Amino acid sequence: MLAVVKKPHIEVRARRIPKAIIVFLQDMYKPENVVIKDDESDSWEDTDLFKKRFTESTPGEMIFASRDMRGWSQAALAEKLGKSPHYVSDLENGRRAVSKKMAVALGKVFECDPSIFFEF
């Protein structure tokens, strides 16, 4: 089960989330900002809340958010991509454009649609 709060970004993952926690999140952060999913197999990137939140984001912000959500350092992501941490930093900070090839690689690493990392 997954509970996600839009702002501040909070994720609760558990086999079963107690009703008291769900009620608390909805009371504290408004029901429309809390998404509850029974199926853990859906990723956060597939939720409507994620898509709304990040439709205005740059590719670098999307990389940072996807990496941060997983608790990965720039070095950890760089290793998964076969790049240097400096390269990842440049991507996240907009100093280097995300190529189509890199967007595909990011999509594989984050198991999501590569188009969220590439501006057409």
C-alpha atoms as a PDB file:
ATOM      1  CA  MET A   1       0.000   0.000   0.000  1.00  0.00           C
ATOM      2  CA  LEU A   2       1.216   3.514  -0.743  1.00  0.00           C
ATOM      3  CA  ALA A   3       0.155   6.876   0.703  1.00  0.00           C
ATOM      4  CA  VAL A   4       1.605  10.012  -0.893  1.00  0.00           C
ATOM      5  CA  VAL A   5       1.268  13.604   0.312  1.00  0.00           C
ATOM      6  CA  LYS A   6       1.910  16.249  -2.354  1.00  0.00           C
ATOM      7  CA  LYS A   7       3.335  19.032  -0.166  1.00  0.00           C
ATOM      8  CA  PRO A   8       5.491  18.451   1.743  1.00  0.00           C
ATOM      9  CA  HIS A   9       6.366  15.314  -0.174  1.00  0.00           C
ATOM     10  CA  ILE A  10       5.743  12.368   2.129  1.00  0.00           C
ATOM     11  CA  GLU A  11       5.536   8.710   1.131  1.00  0.00           C
ATOM     12  CA  VAL A  12       4.358   5.936   3.391  1.00  0.00           C
ATOM     13  CA  ARG A  13       4.826   2.402   2.068  1.00  0.00           C
ATOM     14  CA  ALA A  14       3.632  -0.603   4.024  1.00  0.00           C
ATOM     15  CA  ARG A  15       1.788  -3.834   3.518  1.00  0.00           C
ATOM     16  CA  ARG A  16      -1.090  -2.169   5.374  1.00  0.00           C
ATOM     17  CA  ILE A  17      -1.280   1.477   6.421  1.00  0.00           C
ATOM     18  CA  PRO A  18      -3.366   1.981   9.569  1.00  0.00           C
ATOM     19  CA  LYS A  19      -6.517   4.058   9.079  1.00  0.00           C
ATOM     20  CA  ALA A  20      -5.337   6.447  11.813  1.00  0.00           C
ATOM     21  CA  ILE A  21      -2.274   7.401   9.739  1.00  0.00           C
ATOM     22  CA  ILE A  22      -4.375   7.985   6.618  1.00  0.00           C
ATOM     23  CA  VAL A  23      -6.835  10.156   8.582  1.00  0.00           C
ATOM     24  CA  PHE A  24      -3.932  12.075  10.136  1.00  0.00           C
ATOM     25  CA  LEU A  25      -2.359  12.760   6.718  1.00  0.00           C
ATOM     26  CA  GLN A  26      -5.694  13.882   5.277  1.00  0.00           C
ATOM     27  CA  ASP A  27      -6.381  16.151   8.282  1.00  0.00           C
ATOM     28  CA  MET A  28      -2.912  17.701   8.212  1.00  0.00           C
ATOM     29  CA  TYR A  29      -2.454  18.082   4.448  1.00  0.00           C
ATOM     30  CA  LYS A  30      -6.022  18.210   3.008  1.00  0.00           C
ATOM     31  CA  PRO A  31      -7.653  15.116   1.473  1.00  0.00           C
ATOM     32  CA  GLU A  32      -7.064  16.314  -2.106  1.00  0.00           C
ATOM     33  CA  ASN A  33      -3.294  16.335  -1.450  1.00  0.00           C
ATOM     34  CA  VAL A  34      -3.203  12.735  -0.199  1.00  0.00           C
ATOM     35  CA  VAL A  35      -3.208   9.796  -2.605  1.00  0.00           C
ATOM     36  CA  ILE A  36      -3.784   6.287  -1.306  1.00  0.00           C
ATOM     37  CA  LYS A  37      -3.005   3.318  -3.555  1.00  0.00           C
ATOM     38  CA  ASP A  38      -3.626  -0.286  -2.611  1.00  0.00           C
ATOM     39  CA  ASP A  39      -1.368  -1.654  -5.350  1.00  0.00           C
ATOM     40  CA  GLU A  40       2.318  -1.197  -4.491  1.00  0.00           C
ATOM     41  CA  SER A  41       3.352  -2.142  -8.023  1.00  0.00           C
ATOM     42  CA  ASP A  42       2.333   1.300  -9.315  1.00  0.00           C
ATOM     43  CA  SER A  43       5.219   3.696  -9.124  1.00  0.00           C
ATOM     44  CA  TRP A  44       4.932   7.223  -7.811  1.00  0.00           C
ATOM     45  CA  GLU A  45       5.788   8.505 -11.309  1.00  0.00           C
ATOM     46  CA  ASP A  46       2.615   6.870 -12.679  1.00  0.00           C
ATOM     47  CA  THR A  47       0.249   8.733 -10.360  1.00  0.00           C
ATOM     48  CA  ASP A  48      -1.787  11.723 -11.544  1.00  0.00           C
ATOM     49  CA  LEU A  49      -0.432  13.671  -8.585  1.00  0.00           C
ATOM     50  CA  PHE A  50       3.151  13.208  -9.819  1.00  0.00           C
ATOM     51  CA  LYS A  51       2.208  14.155 -13.373  1.00  0.00           C
ATOM     52  CA  LYS A  52       0.422  17.339 -12.226  1.00  0.00           C
ATOM     53  CA  ARG A  53       3.256  18.298  -9.868  1.00  0.00           C
ATOM     54  CA  PHE A  54       6.001  17.875 -12.406  1.00  0.00           C
ATOM     55  CA  THR A  55       4.468  18.926 -15.732  1.00  0.00           C
ATOM     56  CA  GLU A  56       6.085  22.340 -15.301  1.00  0.00           C
ATOM     57  CA  SER A  57       9.420  20.949 -14.133  1.00  0.00           C
ATOM     58  CA  THR A  58      12.675  20.966 -16.054  1.00  0.00           C
ATOM     59  CA  PRO A  59      14.391  17.669 -16.947  1.00  0.00           C
ATOM     60  CA  GLY A  60      17.006  18.412 -14.276  1.00  0.00           C
ATOM     61  CA  GLU A  61      14.335  18.880 -11.619  1.00  0.00           C
ATOM     62  CA  MET A  62      12.755  15.603 -12.696  1.00  0.00           C
ATOM     63  CA  ILE A  63      16.090  13.807 -12.357  1.00  0.00           C
ATOM     64  CA  PHE A  64      16.657  15.312  -8.911  1.00  0.00           C
ATOM     65  CA  ALA A  65      13.117  14.455  -7.733  1.00  0.00           C
ATOM     66  CA  SER A  66      13.316  10.882  -9.041  1.00  0.00           C
ATOM     67  CA  ARG A  67      16.739  10.364  -7.474  1.00  0.00           C
ATOM     68  CA  ASP A  68      15.856  12.040  -4.181  1.00  0.00           C
ATOM     69  CA  MET A  69      12.619  10.091  -3.842  1.00  0.00           C
ATOM     70  CA  ARG A  70      14.645   6.877  -3.892  1.00  0.00           C
ATOM     71  CA  GLY A  71      17.226   8.192  -1.446  1.00  0.00           C
ATOM     72  CA  TRP A  72      20.023   7.915  -3.995  1.00  0.00           C
ATOM     73  CA  SER A  73      23.054  10.198  -4.014  1.00  0.00           C
ATOM     74  CA  GLN A  74      24.335  11.736  -7.228  1.00  0.00           C
ATOM     75  CA  ALA A  75      27.218   9.263  -7.019  1.00  0.00           C
ATOM     76  CA  ALA A  76      24.818   6.302  -6.787  1.00  0.00           C
ATOM     77  CA  LEU A  77      22.855   7.489  -9.826  1.00  0.00           C
ATOM     78  CA  ALA A  78      26.072   8.206 -11.713  1.00  0.00           C
ATOM     79  CA  GLU A  79      27.261   4.655 -11.076  1.00  0.00           C
ATOM     80  CA  LYS A  80      23.975   3.208 -12.374  1.00  0.00           C
ATOM     81  CA  LEU A  81      24.291   5.365 -15.512  1.00  0.00           C
ATOM     82  CA  GLY A  82      28.007   4.701 -16.017  1.00  0.00           C
ATOM     83  CA  LYS A  83      28.747   8.434 -15.678  1.00  0.00           C
ATOM     84  CA  SER A  84      30.529  10.673 -13.188  1.00  0.00           C
ATOM     85  CA  PRO A  85      28.771  12.408 -10.272  1.00  0.00           C
ATOM     86  CA  HIS A  86      29.792  15.713 -11.889  1.00  0.00           C
ATOM     87  CA  TYR A  87      27.885  14.694 -15.042  1.00  0.00           C
ATOM     88  CA  VAL A  88      24.738  13.990 -12.968  1.00  0.00           C
ATOM     89  CA  SER A  89      25.155  17.318 -11.177  1.00  0.00           C
ATOM     90  CA  ASP A  90      25.369  19.097 -14.528  1.00  0.00           C
ATOM     91  CA  LEU A  91      22.164  17.368 -15.687  1.00  0.00           C
ATOM     92  CA  GLU A  92      20.281  18.249 -12.518  1.00  0.00           C
ATOM     93  CA  ASN A  93      21.398  21.870 -12.568  1.00  0.00           C
ATOM     94  CA  GLY A  94      20.671  22.435 -16.253  1.00  0.00           C
ATOM     95  CA  ARG A  95      24.304  22.919 -17.236  1.00  0.00           C
ATOM     96  CA  ARG A  96      24.058  19.898 -19.538  1.00  0.00           C
ATOM     97  CA  ALA A  97      21.061  19.059 -21.724  1.00  0.00           C
ATOM     98  CA  VAL A  98      19.463  15.629 -21.416  1.00  0.00           C
ATOM     99  CA  SER A  99      19.855  13.831 -24.740  1.00  0.00           C
ATOM    100  CA  LYS A 100      17.313  11.322 -26.032  1.00  0.00           C
ATOM    101  CA  LYS A 101      19.818   8.553 -25.310  1.00  0.00           C
ATOM    102  CA  MET A 102      20.299   9.764 -21.722  1.00  0.00           C
ATOM    103  CA  ALA A 103      16.521  10.111 -21.250  1.00  0.00           C
ATOM    104  CA  VAL A 104      16.145   6.452 -22.252  1.00  0.00           C
ATOM    105  CA  ALA A 105      18.920   5.456 -19.823  1.00  0.00           C
ATOM    106  CA  LEU A 106      17.248   7.458 -17.026  1.00  0.00           C
ATOM    107  CA  GLY A 107      13.920   5.817 -17.843  1.00  0.00           C
ATOM    108  CA  LYS A 108      15.510   2.391 -17.460  1.00  0.00           C
ATOM    109  CA  VAL A 109      17.253   3.284 -14.197  1.00  0.00           C
ATOM    110  CA  PHE A 110      14.108   4.851 -12.683  1.00  0.00           C
ATOM    111  CA  GLU A 111      11.737   2.360 -14.368  1.00  0.00           C
ATOM    112  CA  CYS A 112       9.533   5.089 -15.809  1.00  0.00           C
ATOM    113  CA  ASP A 113       8.673   6.831 -19.075  1.00  0.00           C
ATOM    114  CA  PRO A 114      11.847   8.472 -20.467  1.00  0.00           C
ATOM    115  CA  SER A 115       9.849  11.399 -21.872  1.00  0.00           C
ATOM    116  CA  ILE A 116       9.676  13.019 -18.419  1.00  0.00           C
ATOM    117  CA  PHE A 117      13.421  13.700 -18.693  1.00  0.00           C
ATOM    118  CA  PHE A 118      13.524  15.044 -22.242  1.00  0.00           C
ATOM    119  CA  GLU A 119      12.152  18.337 -23.618  1.00  0.00           C
ATOM    120  CA  PHE A 120      10.870  17.913 -27.146  1.00  0.00           C
END
